C-alpha atoms as a PDB file:
ATOM      1  CA  UNK A   1     -34.982 -23.774 -11.974  1.00  0.00           C
ATOM      2  CA  UNK A   2     -31.555 -25.235 -12.595  1.00  0.00           C
ATOM      3  CA  UNK A   3     -28.524 -24.100 -10.642  1.00  0.00           C
ATOM      4  CA  UNK A   4     -24.948 -25.045 -11.403  1.00  0.00           C
ATOM      5  CA  UNK A   5     -22.079 -23.757  -9.266  1.00  0.00           C
ATOM      6  CA  UNK A   6     -19.219 -22.182 -11.165  1.00  0.00           C
ATOM      7  CA  UNK A   7     -15.915 -23.531 -10.028  1.00  0.00           C
ATOM      8  CA  UNK A   8     -13.109 -21.156 -10.792  1.00  0.00           C
ATOM      9  CA  UNK A   9      -9.495 -22.126 -10.263  1.00  0.00           C
ATOM     10  CA  UNK A  10      -7.942 -20.616  -7.169  1.00  0.00           C
ATOM     11  CA  UNK A  11      -6.448 -17.291  -8.029  1.00  0.00           C
ATOM     12  CA  UNK A  12      -3.084 -16.156  -6.787  1.00  0.00           C
ATOM     13  CA  UNK A  13      -4.222 -13.440  -4.404  1.00  0.00           C
ATOM     14  CA  UNK A  14      -0.721 -12.296  -3.514  1.00  0.00           C
ATOM     15  CA  UNK A  15       0.110  -8.843  -4.820  1.00  0.00           C
ATOM     16  CA  UNK A  16       3.520  -8.267  -6.372  1.00  0.00           C
ATOM     17  CA  UNK A  17       6.076  -6.149  -4.554  1.00  0.00           C
ATOM     18  CA  UNK A  18       5.704  -3.423  -7.200  1.00  0.00           C
ATOM     19  CA  UNK A  19       1.922  -3.404  -6.761  1.00  0.00           C
ATOM     20  CA  UNK A  20       2.266  -3.194  -2.970  1.00  0.00           C
ATOM     21  CA  UNK A  21       4.600  -0.232  -3.330  1.00  0.00           C
ATOM     22  CA  UNK A  22       2.259   1.484  -5.794  1.00  0.00           C
ATOM     23  CA  UNK A  23      -0.621   1.021  -3.332  1.00  0.00           C
ATOM     24  CA  UNK A  24       1.523   2.564  -0.590  1.00  0.00           C
ATOM     25  CA  UNK A  25       2.294   5.627  -2.718  1.00  0.00           C
ATOM     26  CA  UNK A  26      -1.374   6.085  -3.648  1.00  0.00           C
ATOM     27  CA  UNK A  27      -2.493   5.679  -0.034  1.00  0.00           C
ATOM     28  CA  UNK A  28       0.115   8.195   1.113  1.00  0.00           C
ATOM     29  CA  UNK A  29      -1.245  10.715  -1.384  1.00  0.00           C
ATOM     30  CA  UNK A  30      -4.777  10.198  -0.080  1.00  0.00           C
ATOM     31  CA  UNK A  31      -3.589  10.791   3.480  1.00  0.00           C
ATOM     32  CA  UNK A  32      -1.661  13.936   2.557  1.00  0.00           C
ATOM     33  CA  UNK A  33      -4.743  15.392   0.873  1.00  0.00           C
ATOM     34  CA  UNK A  34      -7.008  14.205   3.698  1.00  0.00           C
ATOM     35  CA  UNK A  35      -9.141  12.727   0.947  1.00  0.00           C
ATOM     36  CA  UNK A  36     -12.719  11.716   1.578  1.00  0.00           C
ATOM     37  CA  UNK A  37     -11.800   8.441  -0.142  1.00  0.00           C
ATOM     38  CA  UNK A  38      -8.957   7.481   2.185  1.00  0.00           C
ATOM     39  CA  UNK A  39     -11.149   5.070   4.125  1.00  0.00           C
ATOM     40  CA  UNK A  40      -9.219   3.451   6.960  1.00  0.00           C
ATOM     41  CA  UNK A  41      -5.816   4.335   5.504  1.00  0.00           C
ATOM     42  CA  UNK A  42      -3.057   5.135   7.959  1.00  0.00           C
ATOM     43  CA  UNK A  43       0.631   5.925   7.838  1.00  0.00           C
ATOM     44  CA  UNK A  44       1.302   2.568   9.485  1.00  0.00           C
ATOM     45  CA  UNK A  45      -0.492   0.809   6.607  1.00  0.00           C
ATOM     46  CA  UNK A  46       1.455   2.877   4.075  1.00  0.00           C
ATOM     47  CA  UNK A  47       4.728   1.823   5.697  1.00  0.00           C
ATOM     48  CA  UNK A  48       3.629  -1.817   5.882  1.00  0.00           C
ATOM     49  CA  UNK A  49       2.753  -1.895   2.169  1.00  0.00           C
ATOM     50  CA  UNK A  50       5.892  -0.016   1.175  1.00  0.00           C
ATOM     51  CA  UNK A  51       8.076  -2.489   3.083  1.00  0.00           C
ATOM     52  CA  UNK A  52       6.459  -5.303   1.099  1.00  0.00           C
ATOM     53  CA  UNK A  53       7.681  -3.494  -1.999  1.00  0.00           C
ATOM     54  CA  UNK A  54      11.357  -3.337  -1.064  1.00  0.00           C
ATOM     55  CA  UNK A  55      12.320  -6.367  -3.180  1.00  0.00           C
ATOM     56  CA  UNK A  56      13.262  -4.208  -6.150  1.00  0.00           C
ATOM     57  CA  UNK A  57      15.002  -1.105  -4.762  1.00  0.00           C
ATOM     58  CA  UNK A  58      18.485  -0.918  -6.329  1.00  0.00           C
ATOM     59  CA  UNK A  59      18.870   2.836  -5.787  1.00  0.00           C
ATOM     60  CA  UNK A  60      17.242   3.085  -2.358  1.00  0.00           C
ATOM     61  CA  UNK A  61      14.340   5.275  -3.489  1.00  0.00           C
ATOM     62  CA  UNK A  62      11.739   3.051  -1.879  1.00  0.00           C
ATOM     63  CA  UNK A  63      13.601   3.057   1.438  1.00  0.00           C
ATOM     64  CA  UNK A  64      13.758   6.837   1.204  1.00  0.00           C
ATOM     65  CA  UNK A  65       9.992   6.905   0.632  1.00  0.00           C
ATOM     66  CA  UNK A  66       9.498   4.898   3.831  1.00  0.00           C
ATOM     67  CA  UNK A  67      11.695   7.363   5.755  1.00  0.00           C
ATOM     68  CA  UNK A  68       9.615  10.219   4.332  1.00  0.00           C
ATOM     69  CA  UNK A  69       6.356   8.586   5.442  1.00  0.00           C
ATOM     70  CA  UNK A  70       7.802   7.971   8.914  1.00  0.00           C
ATOM     71  CA  UNK A  71       8.807  11.642   9.151  1.00  0.00           C
ATOM     72  CA  UNK A  72       5.345  12.825   8.110  1.00  0.00           C
ATOM     73  CA  UNK A  73       3.776  10.413  10.595  1.00  0.00           C
ATOM     74  CA  UNK A  74       5.854  11.996  13.377  1.00  0.00           C
ATOM     75  CA  UNK A  75       4.773  15.482  12.284  1.00  0.00           C
ATOM     76  CA  UNK A  76       1.122  14.431  12.430  1.00  0.00           C
ATOM     77  CA  UNK A  77       1.592  13.322  16.047  1.00  0.00           C
ATOM     78  CA  UNK A  78       2.908  16.726  17.126  1.00  0.00           C
END
């Protein structure tokens, strides 16, 4: 039996700001639907990911999304 380790170059494991924001939107949808696939998703995680995606927000839509998530989070507490 011959074994040879495969050495792959280190991948850049940092997600882009657009990808982080897309993940936040998808996670928010799962939470709103109370999806069985939401796993350990939370509004705090949605906000954290969305904030990582604020690099490209010329019209303020992403900031508005964060405010929307914060408002829904407050409604869930009540």
